[in-house]
Amino acid sequence: MENKNIESCIAACEKCVDTCETCSTENKETAGMENSVELCIACINACNDLITTSKNNATNLDELCKKCEQACIACATECAKNTDMENCKECADACNKCATECKAMLEVAA
């Protein structure tokens, strides 16, 4: 994979982690937001796994890219239901961007 693609994906993952952390923290005590919080945490974990592995120059990132893309899509879909809440809107946007970057990285690897 090209370094530029990896760097772009890592940057999107880092942004996604930040927004998911904010979103999950702000929604933690809100009734009815349990699924959103769980999906944010799953997204954080998938992004962090991909970031760590990418920075260690692993050669096969396909599985982690797919996992990250899926986690981001699930989180974005859930948070998009709550765009009246600024933290959810920002989270959905960051997750969609991250999913797009993961998909692009997979296409380069193919």
Protein backbone atom coordinates (compact mmCIF):
# COMPACT_ATOMS: atom_id res chain seq x y z
CA MET A 1 0.00 0.00 0.00
CA GLU A 2 1.12 3.48 -0.73
CA ASN A 3 2.35 5.50 2.22
CA LYS A 4 0.05 8.39 1.28
CA ASN A 5 -3.03 6.15 1.55
CA ILE A 6 -1.93 4.77 4.90
CA GLU A 7 -1.20 8.25 6.29
CA SER A 8 -4.57 9.53 5.11
CA CYS A 9 -6.33 6.55 6.64
CA ILE A 10 -4.47 6.92 9.94
CA ALA A 11 -5.41 10.61 10.10
CA ALA A 12 -9.07 9.76 9.48
CA CYS A 13 -8.92 7.04 12.15
CA GLU A 14 -7.37 9.43 14.67
CA LYS A 15 -10.10 12.01 14.02
CA CYS A 16 -12.71 9.28 14.28
CA VAL A 17 -11.34 8.11 17.63
CA ASP A 18 -11.47 11.68 18.98
CA THR A 19 -15.05 12.30 17.87
CA CYS A 20 -16.26 8.86 19.01
CA GLU A 21 -14.69 9.42 22.44
CA THR A 22 -16.48 12.77 22.74
CA CYS A 23 -19.76 11.33 21.50
CA SER A 24 -19.69 8.30 23.79
CA THR A 25 -18.71 10.42 26.81
CA GLU A 26 -21.47 12.97 26.19
CA ASN A 27 -24.09 10.26 25.57
CA LYS A 28 -23.06 7.91 28.38
CA GLU A 29 -25.67 9.22 30.83
CA THR A 30 -28.41 9.84 28.23
CA ALA A 31 -31.33 7.41 28.24
CA GLY A 32 -31.81 5.64 24.93
CA MET A 33 -28.24 6.23 23.76
CA GLU A 34 -26.77 2.93 24.93
CA ASN A 35 -26.45 1.53 21.39
CA SER A 36 -24.74 4.71 20.21
CA VAL A 37 -22.24 4.51 23.07
CA GLU A 38 -21.52 0.81 22.38
CA LEU A 39 -20.99 1.45 18.66
CA CYS A 40 -18.71 4.42 19.40
CA ILE A 41 -16.59 2.23 21.67
CA ALA A 42 -16.42 -0.53 19.04
CA CYS A 43 -15.39 2.06 16.48
CA ILE A 44 -12.69 3.46 18.78
CA ASN A 45 -11.28 -0.03 19.28
CA ALA A 46 -11.29 -0.87 15.56
CA CYS A 47 -9.67 2.44 14.65
CA ASN A 48 -7.01 2.11 17.35
CA ASP A 49 -6.18 -1.42 16.18
CA LEU A 50 -5.74 -0.18 12.62
CA ILE A 51 -3.68 2.83 13.71
CA THR A 52 -1.32 0.71 15.82
CA THR A 53 -0.89 -1.96 13.16
CA SER A 54 -0.39 0.60 10.38
CA LYS A 55 2.28 2.46 12.33
CA ASN A 56 4.10 -0.84 12.87
CA ASN A 57 4.35 -1.28 9.09
CA ALA A 58 2.35 -4.49 9.01
CA THR A 59 2.04 -5.88 5.51
CA ASN A 60 -1.48 -7.31 5.64
CA LEU A 61 -3.93 -4.69 6.84
CA ASP A 62 -6.92 -5.93 4.82
CA GLU A 63 -8.75 -7.61 7.70
CA LEU A 64 -8.29 -4.63 10.03
CA CYS A 65 -9.35 -2.19 7.29
CA LYS A 66 -12.56 -4.15 6.72
CA LYS A 67 -13.25 -4.37 10.45
CA CYS A 68 -12.64 -0.64 10.85
CA GLU A 69 -14.80 0.23 7.84
CA GLN A 70 -17.67 -1.90 9.17
CA ALA A 71 -17.41 -0.43 12.68
CA CYS A 72 -17.35 3.10 11.28
CA ILE A 73 -20.37 2.49 9.05
CA ALA A 74 -22.35 1.02 11.97
CA CYS A 75 -21.45 3.93 14.23
CA ALA A 76 -22.16 6.54 11.56
CA THR A 77 -25.54 4.98 10.82
CA GLU A 78 -26.54 5.05 14.48
CA CYS A 79 -25.21 8.54 15.19
CA ALA A 80 -26.87 9.90 12.03
CA LYS A 81 -30.20 9.16 13.71
CA ASN A 82 -29.35 11.86 16.27
CA THR A 83 -28.07 14.73 14.16
CA ASP A 84 -30.02 17.14 16.36
CA MET A 85 -27.16 16.50 18.81
CA GLU A 86 -23.96 18.20 17.61
CA ASN A 87 -21.65 15.51 19.02
CA CYS A 88 -23.59 12.80 17.13
CA LYS A 89 -23.51 14.78 13.89
CA GLU A 90 -19.75 15.27 14.16
CA CYS A 91 -19.30 11.61 15.04
CA ALA A 92 -21.34 10.43 12.05
CA ASP A 93 -19.36 12.71 9.74
CA ALA A 94 -15.98 11.52 11.09
CA CYS A 95 -17.03 7.86 10.93
CA ASN A 96 -18.22 8.23 7.33
CA LYS A 97 -14.92 9.86 6.37
CA CYS A 98 -12.97 7.11 8.12
CA ALA A 99 -15.01 4.37 6.41
CA THR A 100 -14.30 6.03 3.06
CA GLU A 101 -10.56 6.13 3.80
CA CYS A 102 -10.55 2.47 4.86
CA LYS A 103 -12.37 1.51 1.68
CA ALA A 104 -9.87 3.47 -0.40
CA MET A 105 -7.00 1.74 1.35
CA LEU A 106 -8.57 -1.66 0.60
CA GLU A 107 -9.00 -0.74 -3.07
CA VAL A 108 -5.32 0.18 -3.33
CA ALA A 109 -4.35 -3.14 -1.73
CA ALA A 110 -6.51 -5.15 -4.13
